[in-house]
Amino acid sequence: MLPGLNCVASFRPNLPSQSSSQHVLHTLPLCPDSDLVASRFHSTHRRNIKVAQKRGVHIERGEKLEHLEAFYRLHLQTRRRQGIPIQPWRLFDMLGSALIVKGLGFVLLAYKDG
């Protein structure tokens, strides 16, 4: 961690945990300063972000079932193209019910030319 900053500076932090016979809870403090986070990206990633912005790629944050369905369609196409097994829709539906619908998660979709 950088002196004077209250955020994680490593992608491999030592996670504090609390455990019981029922569960393990991991906590990870996240840095609210997006500029600081971006400054830690590898230069290749920063360059790729700039190229995507110049080419008109935009990101949409989704918190509805329709966003999860759009992600799943992309998931299917990608996994089929790669020839690897596809997780069933039921898994994503359960994640949507347990997390997204309750405001505990979201889907990020990248669009270019619609």
PDB file of N, CA and C in Angstrom:
ATOM      1  N   MET A   1       0.853  -1.183   0.000  1.00  0.00           N
ATOM      2  CA  MET A   1       0.000   0.000   0.000  1.00  0.00           C
ATOM      3  C   MET A   1       0.892   1.237   0.000  1.00  0.00           C
ATOM      4  N   LEU A   2       0.472   2.224  -0.726  1.00  0.00           N
ATOM      5  CA  LEU A   2       1.224   3.462  -0.775  1.00  0.00           C
ATOM      6  C   LEU A   2       0.999   4.267   0.499  1.00  0.00           C
ATOM      7  N   PRO A   3       2.022   4.952   0.969  1.00  0.00           N
ATOM      8  CA  PRO A   3       1.855   5.748   2.187  1.00  0.00           C
ATOM      9  C   PRO A   3       0.768   6.801   1.994  1.00  0.00           C
ATOM     10  N   GLY A   4      -0.095   6.927   2.975  1.00  0.00           N
ATOM     11  CA  GLY A   4      -1.129   7.951   2.953  1.00  0.00           C
ATOM     12  C   GLY A   4      -2.359   7.591   2.138  1.00  0.00           C
ATOM     13  N   LEU A   5      -2.357   6.431   1.491  1.00  0.00           N
ATOM     14  CA  LEU A   5      -3.518   6.025   0.704  1.00  0.00           C
ATOM     15  C   LEU A   5      -4.210   4.859   1.390  1.00  0.00           C
ATOM     16  N   ASN A   6      -5.496   4.925   1.456  1.00  0.00           N
ATOM     17  CA  ASN A   6      -6.269   3.885   2.124  1.00  0.00           C
ATOM     18  C   ASN A   6      -6.934   2.999   1.084  1.00  0.00           C
ATOM     19  N   CYS A   7      -6.121   2.370   0.250  1.00  0.00           N
ATOM     20  CA  CYS A   7      -6.676   1.447  -0.735  1.00  0.00           C
ATOM     21  C   CYS A   7      -5.632   0.410  -1.078  1.00  0.00           C
ATOM     22  N   VAL A   8      -6.078  -0.664  -1.674  1.00  0.00           N
ATOM     23  CA  VAL A   8      -5.202  -1.773  -2.010  1.00  0.00           C
ATOM     24  C   VAL A   8      -4.373  -1.409  -3.239  1.00  0.00           C
ATOM     25  N   ALA A   9      -3.071  -1.622  -3.170  1.00  0.00           N
ATOM     26  CA  ALA A   9      -2.194  -1.284  -4.280  1.00  0.00           C
ATOM     27  C   ALA A   9      -1.700  -2.535  -4.999  1.00  0.00           C
ATOM     28  N   SER A  10      -2.182  -3.690  -4.605  1.00  0.00           N
ATOM     29  CA  SER A  10      -1.734  -4.940  -5.202  1.00  0.00           C
ATOM     30  C   SER A  10      -2.936  -5.743  -5.664  1.00  0.00           C
ATOM     31  N   PHE A  11      -2.740  -6.521  -6.720  1.00  0.00           N
ATOM     32  CA  PHE A  11      -3.816  -7.387  -7.189  1.00  0.00           C
ATOM     33  C   PHE A  11      -3.804  -8.728  -6.459  1.00  0.00           C
ATOM     34  N   ARG A  12      -2.823  -8.956  -5.608  1.00  0.00           N
ATOM     35  CA  ARG A  12      -2.736 -10.190  -4.839  1.00  0.00           C
ATOM     36  C   ARG A  12      -2.629  -9.852  -3.349  1.00  0.00           C
ATOM     37  N   PRO A  13      -3.692  -9.285  -2.808  1.00  0.00           N
ATOM     38  CA  PRO A  13      -3.622  -8.870  -1.404  1.00  0.00           C
ATOM     39  C   PRO A  13      -3.717 -10.065  -0.464  1.00  0.00           C
ATOM     40  N   ASN A  14      -3.235  -9.874   0.737  1.00  0.00           N
ATOM     41  CA  ASN A  14      -3.411 -10.853   1.786  1.00  0.00           C
ATOM     42  C   ASN A  14      -4.780 -10.590   2.395  1.00  0.00           C
ATOM     43  N   LEU A  15      -5.743 -11.434   2.091  1.00  0.00           N
ATOM     44  CA  LEU A  15      -7.126 -11.190   2.487  1.00  0.00           C
ATOM     45  C   LEU A  15      -7.375 -11.615   3.929  1.00  0.00           C
ATOM     46  N   PRO A  16      -7.841 -10.695   4.759  1.00  0.00           N
ATOM     47  CA  PRO A  16      -8.260 -11.102   6.103  1.00  0.00           C
ATOM     48  C   PRO A  16      -9.549 -11.912   6.001  1.00  0.00           C
ATOM     49  N   SER A  17      -9.731 -12.862   6.864  1.00  0.00           N
ATOM     50  CA  SER A  17     -10.954 -13.654   6.791  1.00  0.00           C
ATOM     51  C   SER A  17     -11.457 -13.994   8.187  1.00  0.00           C
ATOM     52  N   GLN A  18     -12.744 -14.239   8.238  1.00  0.00           N
ATOM     53  CA  GLN A  18     -13.387 -14.734   9.445  1.00  0.00           C
ATOM     54  C   GLN A  18     -14.012 -16.054   9.052  1.00  0.00           C
ATOM     55  N   SER A  19     -13.856 -17.073   9.858  1.00  0.00           N
ATOM     56  CA  SER A  19     -14.427 -18.352   9.459  1.00  0.00           C
ATOM     57  C   SER A  19     -15.269 -18.943  10.578  1.00  0.00           C
ATOM     58  N   SER A  20     -16.190 -19.768  10.162  1.00  0.00           N
ATOM     59  CA  SER A  20     -17.005 -20.553  11.077  1.00  0.00           C
ATOM     60  C   SER A  20     -17.266 -21.868  10.383  1.00  0.00           C
ATOM     61  N   SER A  21     -17.999 -22.731  11.012  1.00  0.00           N
ATOM     62  CA  SER A  21     -18.307 -24.009  10.373  1.00  0.00           C
ATOM     63  C   SER A  21     -19.253 -23.822   9.193  1.00  0.00           C
ATOM     64  N   GLN A  22     -19.901 -22.654   9.086  1.00  0.00           N
ATOM     65  CA  GLN A  22     -20.881 -22.407   8.040  1.00  0.00           C
ATOM     66  C   GLN A  22     -20.286 -21.732   6.804  1.00  0.00           C
ATOM     67  N   HIS A  23     -19.322 -20.843   7.001  1.00  0.00           N
ATOM     68  CA  HIS A  23     -18.853 -20.041   5.873  1.00  0.00           C
ATOM     69  C   HIS A  23     -17.489 -19.420   6.166  1.00  0.00           C
ATOM     70  N   VAL A  24     -16.914 -18.837   5.125  1.00  0.00           N
ATOM     71  CA  VAL A  24     -15.712 -18.031   5.252  1.00  0.00           C
ATOM     72  C   VAL A  24     -16.017 -16.692   4.607  1.00  0.00           C
ATOM     73  N   LEU A  25     -15.726 -15.612   5.285  1.00  0.00           N
ATOM     74  CA  LEU A  25     -15.968 -14.273   4.774  1.00  0.00           C
ATOM     75  C   LEU A  25     -14.632 -13.600   4.502  1.00  0.00           C
ATOM     76  N   HIS A  26     -14.396 -13.272   3.229  1.00  0.00           N
ATOM     77  CA  HIS A  26     -13.190 -12.542   2.850  1.00  0.00           C
ATOM     78  C   HIS A  26     -13.574 -11.086   2.627  1.00  0.00           C
ATOM     79  N   THR A  27     -12.762 -10.178   3.109  1.00  0.00           N
ATOM     80  CA  THR A  27     -13.016  -8.761   2.878  1.00  0.00           C
ATOM     81  C   THR A  27     -11.802  -8.158   2.176  1.00  0.00           C
ATOM     82  N   LEU A  28     -12.084  -7.260   1.251  1.00  0.00           N
ATOM     83  CA  LEU A  28     -11.038  -6.606   0.489  1.00  0.00           C
ATOM     84  C   LEU A  28     -11.407  -5.145   0.334  1.00  0.00           C
ATOM     85  N   PRO A  29     -10.657  -4.252   0.962  1.00  0.00           N
ATOM     86  CA  PRO A  29     -10.967  -2.830   0.796  1.00  0.00           C
ATOM     87  C   PRO A  29     -10.662  -2.409  -0.639  1.00  0.00           C
ATOM     88  N   LEU A  30     -11.613  -1.736  -1.269  1.00  0.00           N
ATOM     89  CA  LEU A  30     -11.447  -1.275  -2.644  1.00  0.00           C
ATOM     90  C   LEU A  30     -11.172   0.212  -2.663  1.00  0.00           C
ATOM     91  N   CYS A  31     -10.311   0.619  -3.547  1.00  0.00           N
ATOM     92  CA  CYS A  31      -9.938   2.017  -3.662  1.00  0.00           C
ATOM     93  C   CYS A  31     -11.027   2.784  -4.403  1.00  0.00           C
ATOM     94  N   PRO A  32     -11.573   3.842  -3.822  1.00  0.00           N
ATOM     95  CA  PRO A  32     -12.619   4.609  -4.493  1.00  0.00           C
ATOM     96  C   PRO A  32     -12.079   5.541  -5.582  1.00  0.00           C
ATOM     97  N   ASP A  33     -10.778   5.713  -5.662  1.00  0.00           N
ATOM     98  CA  ASP A  33     -10.174   6.624  -6.629  1.00  0.00           C
ATOM     99  C   ASP A  33      -9.892   5.876  -7.935  1.00  0.00           C
ATOM    100  N   SER A  34     -10.787   6.010  -8.919  1.00  0.00           N
ATOM    101  CA  SER A  34     -10.644   5.268 -10.174  1.00  0.00           C
ATOM    102  C   SER A  34      -9.393   5.684 -10.943  1.00  0.00           C
ATOM    103  N   ASP A  35      -8.979   6.933 -10.820  1.00  0.00           N
ATOM    104  CA  ASP A  35      -7.756   7.372 -11.500  1.00  0.00           C
ATOM    105  C   ASP A  35      -6.527   6.660 -10.929  1.00  0.00           C
ATOM    106  N   LEU A  36      -6.512   6.479  -9.617  1.00  0.00           N
ATOM    107  CA  LEU A  36      -5.405   5.761  -8.998  1.00  0.00           C
ATOM    108  C   LEU A  36      -5.399   4.306  -9.445  1.00  0.00           C
ATOM    109  N   VAL A  37      -6.559   3.694  -9.483  1.00  0.00           N
ATOM    110  CA  VAL A  37      -6.654   2.307  -9.930  1.00  0.00           C
ATOM    111  C   VAL A  37      -6.159   2.200 -11.371  1.00  0.00           C
ATOM    112  N   ALA A  38      -6.629   3.083 -12.251  1.00  0.00           N
ATOM    113  CA  ALA A  38      -6.232   3.052 -13.662  1.00  0.00           C
ATOM    114  C   ALA A  38      -4.735   3.277 -13.824  1.00  0.00           C
ATOM    115  N   SER A  39      -4.143   4.091 -12.979  1.00  0.00           N
ATOM    116  CA  SER A  39      -2.707   4.368 -13.088  1.00  0.00           C
ATOM    117  C   SER A  39      -1.871   3.119 -12.814  1.00  0.00           C
ATOM    118  N   ARG A  40      -2.455   2.140 -12.177  1.00  0.00           N
ATOM    119  CA  ARG A  40      -1.747   0.906 -11.855  1.00  0.00           C
ATOM    120  C   ARG A  40      -1.893  -0.155 -12.951  1.00  0.00           C
ATOM    121  N   PHE A  41      -2.714   0.116 -13.970  1.00  0.00           N
ATOM    122  CA  PHE A  41      -2.858  -0.820 -15.085  1.00  0.00           C
ATOM    123  C   PHE A  41      -1.542  -0.876 -15.857  1.00  0.00           C
ATOM    124  N   HIS A  42      -1.264  -2.011 -16.416  1.00  0.00           N
ATOM    125  CA  HIS A  42      -0.109  -2.152 -17.298  1.00  0.00           C
ATOM    126  C   HIS A  42      -0.300  -1.212 -18.485  1.00  0.00           C
ATOM    127  N   SER A  43       0.800  -0.693 -19.013  1.00  0.00           N
ATOM    128  CA  SER A  43       0.712   0.280 -20.112  1.00  0.00           C
ATOM    129  C   SER A  43      -0.035  -0.276 -21.322  1.00  0.00           C
ATOM    130  N   THR A  44       0.067  -1.565 -21.572  1.00  0.00           N
ATOM    131  CA  THR A  44      -0.664  -2.184 -22.684  1.00  0.00           C
ATOM    132  C   THR A  44      -2.164  -2.049 -22.482  1.00  0.00           C
ATOM    133  N   HIS A  45      -2.625  -2.260 -21.259  1.00  0.00           N
ATOM    134  CA  HIS A  45      -4.063  -2.156 -20.972  1.00  0.00           C
ATOM    135  C   HIS A  45      -4.545  -0.713 -21.100  1.00  0.00           C
ATOM    136  N   ARG A  46      -3.734   0.223 -20.609  1.00  0.00           N
ATOM    137  CA  ARG A  46      -4.118   1.636 -20.745  1.00  0.00           C
ATOM    138  C   ARG A  46      -4.208   2.030 -22.221  1.00  0.00           C
ATOM    139  N   ARG A  47      -3.269   1.553 -23.036  1.00  0.00           N
ATOM    140  CA  ARG A  47      -3.291   1.841 -24.475  1.00  0.00           C
ATOM    141  C   ARG A  47      -4.529   1.218 -25.129  1.00  0.00           C
ATOM    142  N   ASN A  48      -4.854  -0.022 -24.770  1.00  0.00           N
ATOM    143  CA  ASN A  48      -6.038  -0.683 -25.336  1.00  0.00           C
ATOM    144  C   ASN A  48      -7.327   0.051 -24.965  1.00  0.00           C
ATOM    145  N   ILE A  49      -7.388   0.589 -23.773  1.00  0.00           N
ATOM    146  CA  ILE A  49      -8.563   1.363 -23.348  1.00  0.00           C
ATOM    147  C   ILE A  49      -8.702   2.609 -24.217  1.00  0.00           C
ATOM    148  N   LYS A  50      -7.595   3.299 -24.453  1.00  0.00           N
ATOM    149  CA  LYS A  50      -7.636   4.506 -25.296  1.00  0.00           C
ATOM    150  C   LYS A  50      -8.065   4.175 -26.719  1.00  0.00           C
ATOM    151  N   VAL A  51      -7.560   3.075 -27.267  1.00  0.00           N
ATOM    152  CA  VAL A  51      -7.936   2.664 -28.622  1.00  0.00           C
ATOM    153  C   VAL A  51      -9.433   2.365 -28.674  1.00  0.00           C
ATOM    154  N   ALA A  52      -9.941   1.647 -27.683  1.00  0.00           N
ATOM    155  CA  ALA A  52     -11.373   1.319 -27.650  1.00  0.00           C
ATOM    156  C   ALA A  52     -12.213   2.589 -27.569  1.00  0.00           C
ATOM    157  N   GLN A  53     -11.796   3.555 -26.764  1.00  0.00           N
ATOM    158  CA  GLN A  53     -12.525   4.816 -26.662  1.00  0.00           C
ATOM    159  C   GLN A  53     -12.536   5.551 -27.999  1.00  0.00           C
ATOM    160  N   LYS A  54     -11.405   5.588 -28.690  1.00  0.00           N
ATOM    161  CA  LYS A  54     -11.323   6.256 -29.990  1.00  0.00           C
ATOM    162  C   LYS A  54     -12.211   5.574 -31.030  1.00  0.00           C
ATOM    163  N   ARG A  55     -12.375   4.261 -30.909  1.00  0.00           N
ATOM    164  CA  ARG A  55     -13.177   3.506 -31.876  1.00  0.00           C
ATOM    165  C   ARG A  55     -14.661   3.476 -31.521  1.00  0.00           C
ATOM    166  N   GLY A  56     -15.029   4.155 -30.473  1.00  0.00           N
ATOM    167  CA  GLY A  56     -16.440   4.284 -30.140  1.00  0.00           C
ATOM    168  C   GLY A  56     -17.027   3.180 -29.273  1.00  0.00           C
ATOM    169  N   VAL A  57     -16.185   2.421 -28.604  1.00  0.00           N
ATOM    170  CA  VAL A  57     -16.692   1.398 -27.689  1.00  0.00           C
ATOM    171  C   VAL A  57     -17.225   2.095 -26.444  1.00  0.00           C
ATOM    172  N   HIS A  58     -18.422   1.700 -26.033  1.00  0.00           N
ATOM    173  CA  HIS A  58     -18.946   2.256 -24.783  1.00  0.00           C
ATOM    174  C   HIS A  58     -19.410   1.122 -23.879  1.00  0.00           C
ATOM    175  N   ILE A  59     -19.365   1.363 -22.597  1.00  0.00           N
ATOM    176  CA  ILE A  59     -19.682   0.371 -21.576  1.00  0.00           C
ATOM    177  C   ILE A  59     -21.033   0.715 -20.970  1.00  0.00           C
ATOM    178  N   GLU A  60     -21.854  -0.310 -20.807  1.00  0.00           N
ATOM    179  CA  GLU A  60     -23.155  -0.133 -20.162  1.00  0.00           C
ATOM    180  C   GLU A  60     -23.207  -1.013 -18.922  1.00  0.00           C
ATOM    181  N   ARG A  61     -23.575  -0.398 -17.818  1.00  0.00           N
ATOM    182  CA  ARG A  61     -23.754  -1.139 -16.568  1.00  0.00           C
ATOM    183  C   ARG A  61     -25.210  -1.592 -16.504  1.00  0.00           C
ATOM    184  N   GLY A  62     -25.419  -2.875 -16.301  1.00  0.00           N
ATOM    185  CA  GLY A  62     -26.771  -3.416 -16.282  1.00  0.00           C
ATOM    186  C   GLY A  62     -27.097  -4.086 -14.961  1.00  0.00           C
ATOM    187  N   GLU A  63     -28.293  -3.827 -14.504  1.00  0.00           N
ATOM    188  CA  GLU A  63     -28.747  -4.420 -13.246  1.00  0.00           C
ATOM    189  C   GLU A  63     -30.103  -5.096 -13.430  1.00  0.00           C
ATOM    190  N   LYS A  64     -30.420  -5.483 -14.678  1.00  0.00           N
ATOM    191  CA  LYS A  64     -31.692  -6.122 -14.984  1.00  0.00           C
ATOM    192  C   LYS A  64     -31.448  -7.468 -15.641  1.00  0.00           C
ATOM    193  N   LEU A  65     -32.494  -8.280 -15.670  1.00  0.00           N
ATOM    194  CA  LEU A  65     -32.417  -9.601 -16.271  1.00  0.00           C
ATOM    195  C   LEU A  65     -32.019  -9.510 -17.746  1.00  0.00           C
ATOM    196  N   GLU A  66     -32.489  -8.495 -18.455  1.00  0.00           N
ATOM    197  CA  GLU A  66     -32.166  -8.359 -19.881  1.00  0.00           C
ATOM    198  C   GLU A  66     -30.666  -8.179 -20.098  1.00  0.00           C
ATOM    199  N   HIS A  67     -29.978  -7.537 -19.176  1.00  0.00           N
ATOM    200  CA  HIS A  67     -28.529  -7.376 -19.293  1.00  0.00           C
ATOM    201  C   HIS A  67     -27.823  -8.712 -19.073  1.00  0.00           C
ATOM    202  N   LEU A  68     -28.297  -9.473 -18.113  1.00  0.00           N
ATOM    203  CA  LEU A  68     -27.724 -10.786 -17.858  1.00  0.00           C
ATOM    204  C   LEU A  68     -27.962 -11.710 -19.053  1.00  0.00           C
ATOM    205  N   GLU A  69     -29.132 -11.622 -19.671  1.00  0.00           N
ATOM    206  CA  GLU A  69     -29.428 -12.430 -20.854  1.00  0.00           C
ATOM    207  C   GLU A  69     -28.513 -12.057 -22.015  1.00  0.00           C
ATOM    208  N   ALA A  70     -28.245 -10.770 -22.198  1.00  0.00           N
ATOM    209  CA  ALA A  70     -27.326 -10.322 -23.253  1.00  0.00           C
ATOM    210  C   ALA A  70     -25.922 -10.862 -22.991  1.00  0.00           C
ATOM    211  N   PHE A  71     -25.487 -10.815 -21.741  1.00  0.00           N
ATOM    212  CA  PHE A  71     -24.175 -11.365 -21.387  1.00  0.00           C
ATOM    213  C   PHE A  71     -24.140 -12.854 -21.679  1.00  0.00           C
ATOM    214  N   TYR A  72     -25.200 -13.567 -21.341  1.00  0.00           N
ATOM    215  CA  TYR A  72     -25.230 -15.014 -21.544  1.00  0.00           C
ATOM    216  C   TYR A  72     -25.163 -15.360 -23.034  1.00  0.00           C
ATOM    217  N   ARG A  73     -25.843 -14.585 -23.883  1.00  0.00           N
ATOM    218  CA  ARG A  73     -25.759 -14.834 -25.333  1.00  0.00           C
ATOM    219  C   ARG A  73     -24.313 -14.705 -25.817  1.00  0.00           C
ATOM    220  N   LEU A  74     -23.609 -13.683 -25.330  1.00  0.00           N
ATOM    221  CA  LEU A  74     -22.196 -13.516 -25.682  1.00  0.00           C
ATOM    222  C   LEU A  74     -21.350 -14.664 -25.124  1.00  0.00           C
ATOM    223  N   HIS A  75     -21.665 -15.077 -23.918  1.00  0.00           N
ATOM    224  CA  HIS A  75     -20.985 -16.203 -23.279  1.00  0.00           C
ATOM    225  C   HIS A  75     -21.125 -17.461 -24.140  1.00  0.00           C
ATOM    226  N   LEU A  76     -22.346 -17.735 -24.603  1.00  0.00           N
ATOM    227  CA  LEU A  76     -22.582 -18.904 -25.451  1.00  0.00           C
ATOM    228  C   LEU A  76     -21.755 -18.845 -26.733  1.00  0.00           C
ATOM    229  N   GLN A  77     -21.785 -17.700 -27.408  1.00  0.00           N
ATOM    230  CA  GLN A  77     -21.042 -17.552 -28.661  1.00  0.00           C
ATOM    231  C   GLN A  77     -19.540 -17.773 -28.447  1.00  0.00           C
ATOM    232  N   THR A  78     -19.028 -17.172 -27.395  1.00  0.00           N
ATOM    233  CA  THR A  78     -17.590 -17.265 -27.128  1.00  0.00           C
ATOM    234  C   THR A  78     -17.192 -18.692 -26.786  1.00  0.00           C
ATOM    235  N   ARG A  79     -17.918 -19.319 -25.883  1.00  0.00           N
ATOM    236  CA  ARG A  79     -17.561 -20.678 -25.455  1.00  0.00           C
ATOM    237  C   ARG A  79     -17.700 -21.670 -26.608  1.00  0.00           C
ATOM    238  N   ARG A  80     -18.730 -21.516 -27.444  1.00  0.00           N
ATOM    239  CA  ARG A  80     -18.886 -22.408 -28.600  1.00  0.00           C
ATOM    240  C   ARG A  80     -17.736 -22.221 -29.578  1.00  0.00           C
ATOM    241  N   ARG A  81     -17.365 -20.968 -29.834  1.00  0.00           N
ATOM    242  CA  ARG A  81     -16.267 -20.676 -30.754  1.00  0.00           C
ATOM    243  C   ARG A  81     -14.956 -21.279 -30.231  1.00  0.00           C
ATOM    244  N   GLN A  82     -14.776 -21.257 -28.926  1.00  0.00           N
ATOM    245  CA  GLN A  82     -13.555 -21.795 -28.331  1.00  0.00           C
ATOM    246  C   GLN A  82     -13.615 -23.309 -28.139  1.00  0.00           C
ATOM    247  N   GLY A  83     -14.803 -23.881 -28.320  1.00  0.00           N
ATOM    248  CA  GLY A  83     -14.949 -25.329 -28.178  1.00  0.00           C
ATOM    249  C   GLY A  83     -14.846 -25.818 -26.748  1.00  0.00           C
ATOM    250  N   ILE A  84     -15.257 -24.985 -25.803  1.00  0.00           N
ATOM    251  CA  ILE A  84     -15.198 -25.385 -24.397  1.00  0.00           C
ATOM    252  C   ILE A  84     -16.609 -25.447 -23.824  1.00  0.00           C
ATOM    253  N   PRO A  85     -16.792 -26.203 -22.750  1.00  0.00           N
ATOM    254  CA  PRO A  85     -18.140 -26.392 -22.192  1.00  0.00           C
ATOM    255  C   PRO A  85     -18.815 -25.074 -21.800  1.00  0.00           C
ATOM    256  N   ILE A  86     -20.118 -25.088 -21.905  1.00  0.00           N
ATOM    257  CA  ILE A  86     -20.945 -23.922 -21.604  1.00  0.00           C
ATOM    258  C   ILE A  86     -21.641 -24.146 -20.272  1.00  0.00           C
ATOM    259  N   GLN A  87     -21.573 -23.152 -19.408  1.00  0.00           N
ATOM    260  CA  GLN A  87     -22.330 -23.236 -18.172  1.00  0.00           C
ATOM    261  C   GLN A  87     -23.805 -23.068 -18.521  1.00  0.00           C
ATOM    262  N   PRO A  88     -24.681 -23.764 -17.807  1.00  0.00           N
ATOM    263  CA  PRO A  88     -26.112 -23.668 -18.118  1.00  0.00           C
ATOM    264  C   PRO A  88     -26.697 -22.316 -17.708  1.00  0.00           C
ATOM    265  N   TRP A  89     -27.767 -21.924 -18.408  1.00  0.00           N
ATOM    266  CA  TRP A  89     -28.471 -20.676 -18.088  1.00  0.00           C
ATOM    267  C   TRP A  89     -28.905 -20.678 -16.627  1.00  0.00           C
ATOM    268  N   ARG A  90     -29.246 -21.831 -16.104  1.00  0.00           N
ATOM    269  CA  ARG A  90     -29.715 -21.931 -14.710  1.00  0.00           C
ATOM    270  C   ARG A  90     -28.711 -21.306 -13.737  1.00  0.00           C
ATOM    271  N   LEU A  91     -27.425 -21.503 -13.977  1.00  0.00           N
ATOM    272  CA  LEU A  91     -26.398 -20.912 -13.120  1.00  0.00           C
ATOM    273  C   LEU A  91     -26.494 -19.386 -13.141  1.00  0.00           C
ATOM    274  N   PHE A  92     -26.594 -18.815 -14.337  1.00  0.00           N
ATOM    275  CA  PHE A  92     -26.669 -17.368 -14.466  1.00  0.00           C
ATOM    276  C   PHE A  92     -27.985 -16.832 -13.907  1.00  0.00           C
ATOM    277  N   ASP A  93     -29.041 -17.589 -14.096  1.00  0.00           N
ATOM    278  CA  ASP A  93     -30.345 -17.202 -13.552  1.00  0.00           C
ATOM    279  C   ASP A  93     -30.289 -17.155 -12.023  1.00  0.00           C
ATOM    280  N   MET A  94     -29.631 -18.140 -11.429  1.00  0.00           N
ATOM    281  CA  MET A  94     -29.492 -18.149  -9.965  1.00  0.00           C
ATOM    282  C   MET A  94     -28.619 -16.990  -9.488  1.00  0.00           C
ATOM    283  N   LEU A  95     -27.541 -16.689 -10.216  1.00  0.00           N
ATOM    284  CA  LEU A  95     -26.706 -15.543  -9.863  1.00  0.00           C
ATOM    285  C   LEU A  95     -27.508 -14.253  -9.955  1.00  0.00           C
ATOM    286  N   GLY A  96     -28.325 -14.156 -10.995  1.00  0.00           N
ATOM    287  CA  GLY A  96     -29.170 -12.981 -11.153  1.00  0.00           C
ATOM    288  C   GLY A  96     -30.132 -12.829  -9.992  1.00  0.00           C
ATOM    289  N   SER A  97     -30.756 -13.923  -9.595  1.00  0.00           N
ATOM    290  CA  SER A  97     -31.722 -13.889  -8.495  1.00  0.00           C
ATOM    291  C   SER A  97     -31.049 -13.591  -7.153  1.00  0.00           C
ATOM    292  N   ALA A  98     -29.878 -14.188  -6.948  1.00  0.00           N
ATOM    293  CA  ALA A  98     -29.208 -14.058  -5.651  1.00  0.00           C
ATOM    294  C   ALA A  98     -28.437 -12.743  -5.513  1.00  0.00           C
ATOM    295  N   LEU A  99     -27.970 -12.193  -6.624  1.00  0.00           N
ATOM    296  CA  LEU A  99     -27.104 -11.020  -6.524  1.00  0.00           C
ATOM    297  C   LEU A  99     -27.666  -9.787  -7.233  1.00  0.00           C
ATOM    298  N   ILE A 100     -27.892  -9.899  -8.517  1.00  0.00           N
ATOM    299  CA  ILE A 100     -28.231  -8.719  -9.306  1.00  0.00           C
ATOM    300  C   ILE A 100     -29.571  -8.129  -8.903  1.00  0.00           C
ATOM    301  N   VAL A 101     -30.590  -8.973  -8.772  1.00  0.00           N
ATOM    302  CA  VAL A 101     -31.927  -8.487  -8.408  1.00  0.00           C
ATOM    303  C   VAL A 101     -31.914  -7.820  -7.035  1.00  0.00           C
ATOM    304  N   LYS A 102     -31.033  -8.286  -6.156  1.00  0.00           N
ATOM    305  CA  LYS A 102     -30.951  -7.732  -4.802  1.00  0.00           C
ATOM    306  C   LYS A 102     -30.015  -6.527  -4.717  1.00  0.00           C
ATOM    307  N   GLY A 103     -29.492  -6.077  -5.851  1.00  0.00           N
ATOM    308  CA  GLY A 103     -28.605  -4.923  -5.845  1.00  0.00           C
ATOM    309  C   GLY A 103     -27.201  -5.227  -5.365  1.00  0.00           C
ATOM    310  N   LEU A 104     -26.807  -6.498  -5.377  1.00  0.00           N
ATOM    311  CA  LEU A 104     -25.488  -6.894  -4.885  1.00  0.00           C
ATOM    312  C   LEU A 104     -24.501  -7.170  -6.020  1.00  0.00           C
ATOM    313  N   GLY A 105     -24.925  -6.944  -7.245  1.00  0.00           N
ATOM    314  CA  GLY A 105     -24.049  -7.200  -8.386  1.00  0.00           C
ATOM    315  C   GLY A 105     -24.567  -6.498  -9.617  1.00  0.00           C
ATOM    316  N   PHE A 106     -23.803  -6.581 -10.681  1.00  0.00           N
ATOM    317  CA  PHE A 106     -24.190  -5.953 -11.939  1.00  0.00           C
ATOM    318  C   PHE A 106     -23.435  -6.625 -13.072  1.00  0.00           C
ATOM    319  N   VAL A 107     -23.850  -6.320 -14.284  1.00  0.00           N
ATOM    320  CA  VAL A 107     -23.217  -6.836 -15.491  1.00  0.00           C
ATOM    321  C   VAL A 107     -22.674  -5.638 -16.260  1.00  0.00           C
ATOM    322  N   LEU A 108     -21.463  -5.743 -16.767  1.00  0.00           N
ATOM    323  CA  LEU A 108     -20.916  -4.718 -17.638  1.00  0.00           C
ATOM    324  C   LEU A 108     -20.860  -5.267 -19.051  1.00  0.00           C
ATOM    325  N   LEU A 109     -21.461  -4.534 -19.986  1.00  0.00           N
ATOM    326  CA  LEU A 109     -21.481  -4.930 -21.393  1.00  0.00           C
ATOM    327  C   LEU A 109     -20.785  -3.848 -22.203  1.00  0.00           C
ATOM    328  N   ALA A 110     -19.923  -4.261 -23.118  1.00  0.00           N
ATOM    329  CA  ALA A 110     -19.232  -3.319 -24.007  1.00  0.00           C
ATOM    330  C   ALA A 110     -19.907  -3.363 -25.369  1.00  0.00           C
ATOM    331  N   TYR A 111     -20.218  -2.187 -25.934  1.00  0.00           N
ATOM    332  CA  TYR A 111     -20.888  -2.088 -27.231  1.00  0.00           C
ATOM    333  C   TYR A 111     -20.057  -1.255 -28.190  1.00  0.00           C
ATOM    334  N   LYS A 112     -20.087  -1.672 -29.453  1.00  0.00           N
ATOM    335  CA  LYS A 112     -19.488  -0.892 -30.528  1.00  0.00           C
ATOM    336  C   LYS A 112     -20.454  -0.962 -31.704  1.00  0.00           C
ATOM    337  N   ASP A 113     -20.812   0.171 -32.243  1.00  0.00           N
ATOM    338  CA  ASP A 113     -21.741   0.227 -33.377  1.00  0.00           C
ATOM    339  C   ASP A 113     -23.063  -0.475 -33.052  1.00  0.00           C
ATOM    340  N   GLY A 114     -23.559  -0.255 -31.865  1.00  0.00           N
ATOM    341  CA  GLY A 114     -24.840  -0.838 -31.464  1.00  0.00           C
ATOM    342  C   GLY A 114     -24.704  -2.230 -30.952  1.00  0.00           C
TER     343      GLY A 114
END
